[in-house]
Protein backbone atom coordinates (compact mmCIF):
# COMPACT_ATOMS: atom_id res chain seq x y z
CA ASP A 1 -37.29 8.82 -48.39
CA HIS A 2 -39.45 11.90 -49.82
CA LYS A 3 -36.16 14.38 -50.08
CA LYS A 4 -35.49 15.36 -53.68
CA PRO A 5 -31.91 15.77 -55.20
CA TRP A 6 -31.98 19.49 -55.37
CA MET A 7 -32.63 19.80 -51.49
CA ASP A 8 -29.44 18.69 -50.53
CA SER A 9 -27.95 22.37 -51.73
CA CYS A 10 -30.54 24.26 -49.51
CA GLN A 11 -30.81 25.12 -46.01
CA MET A 12 -34.22 24.18 -44.58
CA THR A 13 -35.00 25.10 -41.03
CA LEU A 14 -37.69 24.25 -38.81
CA VAL A 15 -38.04 27.22 -36.62
CA ASN A 16 -38.36 27.14 -32.81
CA GLU A 17 -38.58 29.81 -30.14
CA SER A 18 -35.16 30.24 -30.01
CA ASN A 19 -34.64 30.99 -33.92
CA ILE A 20 -37.76 32.58 -34.89
CA SER A 21 -35.98 36.05 -34.62
CA SER A 22 -33.35 35.06 -37.04
CA ALA A 23 -35.77 33.77 -39.55
CA ILE A 24 -37.80 36.82 -39.56
CA ASP A 25 -34.79 38.95 -39.60
CA ALA A 26 -33.37 37.14 -42.58
CA CYS A 27 -36.45 37.67 -44.44
CA ILE A 28 -36.65 41.48 -43.64
CA ASN A 29 -32.94 41.62 -44.74
CA SER A 30 -33.20 39.75 -47.82
CA TYR A 31 -30.45 40.85 -50.49
CA ASP A 32 -33.10 40.70 -53.23
CA LYS A 33 -35.50 42.77 -50.98
CA PHE A 34 -38.33 40.37 -51.12
CA PHE A 35 -39.03 37.09 -49.43
CA ALA A 36 -41.50 34.04 -50.07
CA LEU A 37 -44.50 33.55 -47.90
CA ASP A 38 -46.67 30.41 -48.06
CA LEU A 39 -49.21 28.93 -45.70
CA GLU A 40 -49.88 25.53 -44.68
CA THR A 41 -53.53 25.08 -43.16
CA GLU A 42 -56.13 22.53 -41.84
CA GLY A 43 -57.46 22.53 -45.29
CA LEU A 44 -58.84 24.52 -48.19
CA ASP A 45 -61.91 26.33 -46.63
CA ASN A 46 -61.17 29.99 -46.39
CA ARG A 47 -64.59 31.02 -45.64
CA VAL A 48 -64.86 33.44 -42.91
CA ARG A 49 -66.87 33.14 -39.63
CA TYR A 50 -66.87 35.88 -37.15
CA SER A 51 -66.65 35.73 -33.34
CA GLY A 52 -66.18 38.76 -31.44
CA ASP A 53 -64.32 41.79 -33.31
CA PHE A 54 -62.31 39.57 -35.58
CA GLY A 55 -62.88 37.12 -38.36
CA CYS A 56 -61.57 33.71 -38.80
CA THR A 57 -61.47 31.40 -41.62
CA ASN A 58 -63.03 28.05 -41.02
CA ASP A 59 -59.96 26.19 -41.62
CA ARG A 60 -56.97 27.70 -39.70
CA ILE A 61 -53.39 28.39 -40.25
CA VAL A 62 -51.29 25.48 -39.39
CA GLY A 63 -47.77 26.76 -40.30
CA VAL A 64 -46.03 29.55 -42.09
CA CYS A 65 -43.45 28.84 -44.99
CA LEU A 66 -40.88 31.56 -45.65
CA ALA A 67 -37.81 31.68 -48.08
CA SER A 68 -35.28 34.64 -47.41
CA SER A 69 -33.21 33.41 -50.39
CA PRO A 70 -33.09 30.91 -53.47
CA THR A 71 -31.48 28.44 -50.98
CA VAL A 72 -32.84 29.37 -47.56
CA GLY A 73 -36.03 28.39 -46.39
CA TRP A 74 -37.70 28.41 -42.96
CA TYR A 75 -40.80 26.52 -41.70
CA ILE A 76 -42.75 28.00 -38.70
CA PRO A 77 -45.04 25.37 -36.87
CA LEU A 78 -47.94 26.64 -34.97
CA ARG A 79 -50.85 24.10 -34.90
CA HIS A 80 -49.34 20.59 -35.48
CA ILE A 81 -51.03 17.90 -33.07
CA ASP A 82 -49.23 15.75 -31.01
CA PRO A 83 -49.42 12.50 -32.61
CA ASN A 84 -50.01 10.41 -29.22
CA ASP A 85 -52.62 12.75 -27.85
CA SER A 86 -54.96 14.32 -30.73
CA SER A 87 -56.50 16.64 -27.78
CA ALA A 88 -53.02 18.16 -27.40
CA LEU A 89 -50.62 20.33 -29.52
CA HIS A 90 -47.13 19.10 -30.43
CA LYS A 91 -44.26 20.05 -28.30
CA LYS A 92 -42.32 21.52 -31.40
CA ASN A 93 -44.90 24.05 -32.07
CA VAL A 94 -43.95 27.61 -31.76
CA PRO A 95 -45.99 29.52 -28.87
CA TYR A 96 -48.48 31.46 -30.83
CA SER A 97 -47.81 34.57 -28.81
CA VAL A 98 -44.09 34.56 -29.95
CA PHE A 99 -44.97 34.02 -33.59
CA ASP A 100 -47.52 36.95 -33.38
CA LYS A 101 -44.93 39.17 -32.05
CA GLU A 102 -42.33 38.37 -34.50
CA PHE A 103 -44.50 37.80 -37.76
CA ARG A 104 -46.02 41.45 -36.81
CA ARG A 105 -42.41 42.46 -37.11
CA LEU A 106 -42.14 41.13 -40.66
CA ILE A 107 -45.39 42.69 -41.63
CA ALA A 108 -44.18 45.97 -40.45
CA ALA A 109 -41.30 45.85 -42.83
CA VAL A 110 -43.79 44.85 -45.57
CA GLU A 111 -46.05 47.80 -44.79
CA SER A 112 -43.06 50.28 -44.46
CA GLY A 113 -41.74 49.03 -47.92
CA LYS A 114 -38.52 47.93 -46.80
CA VAL A 115 -39.26 44.32 -48.15
CA SER A 116 -41.96 42.83 -50.11
CA ALA A 117 -43.67 39.32 -49.95
CA VAL A 118 -43.97 37.07 -52.56
CA PHE A 119 -46.95 34.53 -52.82
CA HIS A 120 -48.14 31.58 -55.22
CA ASN A 121 -51.84 32.34 -55.90
CA ALA A 122 -51.92 35.16 -53.38
CA GLU A 123 -55.74 35.17 -53.12
CA PHE A 124 -55.73 32.10 -50.79
CA ASP A 125 -53.04 32.89 -48.42
CA GLN A 126 -54.05 36.42 -48.13
CA GLU A 127 -57.41 35.64 -47.10
CA PHE A 128 -55.99 33.72 -44.16
CA LEU A 129 -53.78 36.44 -43.14
CA GLU A 130 -56.57 38.93 -43.36
CA TYR A 131 -58.77 36.87 -41.02
CA PRO A 132 -56.51 34.79 -38.62
CA GLY A 133 -58.86 35.17 -35.53
CA CYS A 134 -56.95 38.16 -34.34
CA ALA A 135 -55.99 41.55 -36.11
CA PRO A 136 -55.05 41.10 -39.65
CA TYR A 137 -51.57 40.05 -40.73
CA GLY A 138 -51.16 42.94 -43.17
CA ASP A 139 -53.38 44.97 -45.53
CA TRP A 140 -52.79 43.22 -48.60
CA SER A 141 -54.86 45.54 -50.78
CA ILE A 142 -51.91 47.46 -51.65
CA PRO A 143 -50.16 45.89 -54.64
CA SER A 144 -46.74 47.17 -54.13
CA ARG A 145 -46.40 45.43 -51.11
CA TRP A 146 -46.63 42.01 -52.74
CA ASP A 147 -46.12 39.77 -55.82
CA CYS A 148 -47.94 36.89 -56.99
CA THR A 149 -45.99 34.05 -58.86
CA TYR A 150 -49.18 32.48 -60.08
CA ILE A 151 -50.30 35.85 -61.70
CA LEU A 152 -46.75 36.45 -63.49
CA ILE A 153 -46.94 32.99 -64.71
CA SER A 154 -50.47 33.48 -66.12
CA LEU A 155 -49.56 36.74 -67.73
CA TYR A 156 -46.25 35.23 -69.37
CA ASP A 157 -48.40 32.17 -70.97
CA SER A 158 -52.31 32.97 -70.71
CA ARG A 159 -52.74 29.36 -72.53
CA ARG A 160 -50.93 27.57 -70.01
CA LYS A 161 -53.07 25.19 -68.17
CA THR A 162 -50.62 23.96 -65.29
CA LYS A 163 -49.87 26.90 -63.22
CA GLY A 164 -49.81 25.38 -59.62
CA LEU A 165 -46.85 25.76 -57.61
CA LYS A 166 -45.61 22.00 -57.66
CA SER A 167 -46.11 21.75 -61.45
CA ALA A 168 -44.46 25.16 -62.26
CA SER A 169 -41.73 24.17 -59.91
CA LYS A 170 -41.09 20.94 -61.82
CA GLU A 171 -41.43 22.34 -65.54
CA ASP A 172 -39.89 25.66 -65.03
CA LEU A 173 -37.23 25.27 -62.63
CA GLY A 174 -36.59 21.40 -62.84
CA MET A 175 -37.40 21.15 -59.27
CA GLU A 176 -39.72 18.26 -58.17
CA MET A 177 -41.47 19.04 -54.76
CA ILE A 178 -42.75 16.41 -52.29
CA GLU A 179 -46.60 15.73 -53.17
CA LEU A 180 -48.82 16.15 -49.96
CA ASP A 181 -50.59 12.98 -50.63
CA ASP A 182 -47.11 11.18 -50.06
CA LEU A 183 -47.01 12.45 -46.41
CA PHE A 184 -50.26 10.69 -45.11
CA SER A 185 -50.36 6.64 -45.06
CA GLU A 186 -52.83 4.80 -46.90
CA ASP A 187 -54.85 3.72 -43.73
CA GLU A 188 -55.27 7.41 -43.20
CA LYS A 189 -56.31 8.21 -46.50
CA ASN A 190 -58.79 5.42 -46.86
CA SER A 191 -60.34 6.26 -43.47
CA PRO A 192 -63.75 7.72 -43.34
CA GLY A 193 -63.89 11.54 -43.62
CA PHE A 194 -60.26 11.93 -44.44
CA LYS A 195 -58.94 15.43 -44.91
CA LYS A 196 -55.68 16.53 -45.98
CA ASN A 197 -55.21 18.46 -42.69
CA PHE A 198 -51.38 19.60 -42.33
CA ALA A 199 -51.63 19.58 -38.75
CA ARG A 200 -51.83 15.95 -38.46
CA LEU A 201 -48.25 15.56 -39.67
CA ASP A 202 -45.80 14.87 -36.93
CA LEU A 203 -43.00 17.56 -36.52
CA ASP A 204 -40.56 14.74 -35.60
CA ARG A 205 -40.66 13.61 -39.22
CA GLU A 206 -37.86 15.42 -41.46
CA GLU A 207 -40.24 15.28 -44.37
CA VAL A 208 -42.55 17.96 -42.76
CA PRO A 209 -40.13 20.96 -42.76
CA TRP A 210 -38.80 19.94 -46.32
CA TYR A 211 -42.11 20.27 -47.41
CA GLY A 212 -42.76 23.78 -45.71
CA CYS A 213 -39.47 24.99 -47.06
CA SER A 214 -39.75 23.54 -50.42
CA ASP A 215 -43.17 25.80 -50.75
CA GLY A 216 -41.23 28.84 -49.86
CA ILE A 217 -37.78 28.53 -51.90
CA CYS A 218 -39.63 27.36 -55.13
CA THR A 219 -42.19 30.36 -54.61
CA TYR A 220 -38.93 32.53 -54.32
CA ARG A 221 -37.39 31.07 -57.53
CA LEU A 222 -40.36 31.47 -59.55
CA ARG A 223 -40.34 35.39 -58.67
CA GLN A 224 -36.72 35.51 -59.70
CA LYS A 225 -37.50 33.89 -63.41
CA TYR A 226 -40.80 35.51 -64.13
CA TYR A 227 -40.92 39.00 -62.70
CA PRO A 228 -38.34 40.45 -65.29
CA LEU A 229 -39.83 38.59 -68.05
CA VAL A 230 -43.32 40.04 -67.36
CA VAL A 231 -42.48 43.39 -65.98
CA HIS A 232 -39.14 44.38 -67.32
CA PRO A 233 -38.47 42.59 -70.41
CA THR A 234 -35.39 43.06 -72.69
CA SER A 235 -35.23 42.66 -76.25
CA GLU A 236 -33.93 39.47 -76.28
CA ASP A 237 -36.82 38.12 -74.18
CA LYS A 238 -39.23 38.93 -76.89
CA THR A 239 -42.23 39.52 -74.54
CA PRO A 240 -44.02 42.77 -74.08
CA ASN A 241 -43.88 44.73 -70.97
CA GLN A 242 -46.93 43.97 -68.83
CA LYS A 243 -46.09 45.97 -65.78
CA SER A 244 -49.42 48.17 -66.05
CA ILE A 245 -51.78 44.90 -66.73
CA TYR A 246 -49.96 43.06 -63.64
CA MET A 247 -50.68 46.18 -61.09
CA ILE A 248 -54.28 46.05 -62.25
CA GLU A 249 -54.24 42.16 -61.62
CA LYS A 250 -53.33 42.73 -58.07
CA LEU A 251 -55.46 45.69 -57.62
CA CYS A 252 -58.47 43.42 -58.35
CA SER A 253 -57.27 40.73 -55.90
CA ALA A 254 -58.83 42.18 -52.89
CA SER A 255 -62.20 42.81 -54.84
CA THR A 256 -62.32 39.30 -55.88
CA ARG A 257 -61.37 37.87 -52.34
CA TRP A 258 -64.44 40.18 -51.03
CA MET A 259 -66.65 38.63 -53.67
CA MET A 260 -66.03 35.39 -52.80
CA ARG A 261 -66.08 35.80 -49.35
CA ASN A 262 -69.47 37.14 -49.50
CA ALA A 263 -70.55 34.60 -51.99
CA ILE A 264 -72.35 37.22 -54.26
CA GLY A 265 -75.23 35.67 -56.32
CA VAL A 266 -75.34 35.93 -60.11
CA ASP A 267 -78.26 36.14 -62.18
CA ARG A 268 -77.51 33.15 -64.74
CA LYS A 269 -79.84 34.11 -67.19
CA LYS A 270 -78.76 37.77 -67.29
CA VAL A 271 -75.27 36.83 -67.61
CA TRP A 272 -76.27 34.29 -70.36
CA GLU A 273 -77.87 37.14 -72.38
CA LEU A 274 -74.85 39.62 -71.91
CA ILE A 275 -72.52 36.36 -73.33
CA THR A 276 -74.68 36.20 -76.40
CA ILE A 277 -74.88 39.71 -76.97
CA GLY A 278 -71.11 40.00 -76.65
CA GLN A 279 -70.43 37.09 -78.86
CA LYS A 280 -72.46 38.88 -81.81
CA GLU A 281 -70.68 42.25 -81.37
CA TRP A 282 -67.36 40.24 -81.34
CA VAL A 283 -68.39 38.38 -84.73
CA GLU A 284 -69.31 41.92 -86.20
CA SER A 285 -66.14 43.37 -84.97
CA VAL A 286 -63.90 40.67 -86.62
CA LYS A 287 -65.61 41.03 -89.95
CA ASN A 288 -65.15 44.83 -89.56
CA VAL A 289 -61.56 44.37 -88.77
CA TYR A 290 -60.88 41.87 -92.07
CA LYS A 291 -63.04 44.59 -94.10
């Protein structure tokens, strides 16, 4: 049994064609004016290839995780494979045409300013959303439309080494999450060419929506915890207001994704030369400060 004790107090729903409108409505009408958004994918390869008018990441979106409140999560399955026929899609997947229509309704609410999206490691998810093989799901170059709990944690504690969603949820929220490794059998993990492809997980297993909904719920709660500490700290928090720095970090996100997507070459020799110059200037600056 992979279910964690804290999950009993949450509503975790596997979305289908009949209730997807309710999931989207819940996010649009979130009391806190934001919702959490996380993607499950075929893998980590978000390099972009082009076919026709639109680009598509090498690994595709398998499902969408949403949280409309700290205790309500939704998992929308899109590309899970039928366990009895690897060439067919699972019967519990939401038809892509239905998802596309409803999800664009949510994106429209984000772009109108009615609600904002919260990611953990936004750069990864936003690349999949910008290049889903069809028209992009949103313009994420505008920082007011989204938050990122990974950036918030980094700003709150720049020396912290473990900032992944699972480690942050356990350390900061006391909420242990399901490990993806645990959802695959030992035979699968030992098979040649094994890849942690979320699409291969059977939707008839309760752990799948638990896993997806947890990603959304934990991201939501991390935003509740860290956004005030970084952007609106009080005197009792004893932390500096980093609202401007946070905005700059988000503004840089689109540029960083562009650089990674295009694999910009780096002149290593020149970089090392600049580092050496910088180190010398830094030493002189420290001496001047002490003087």
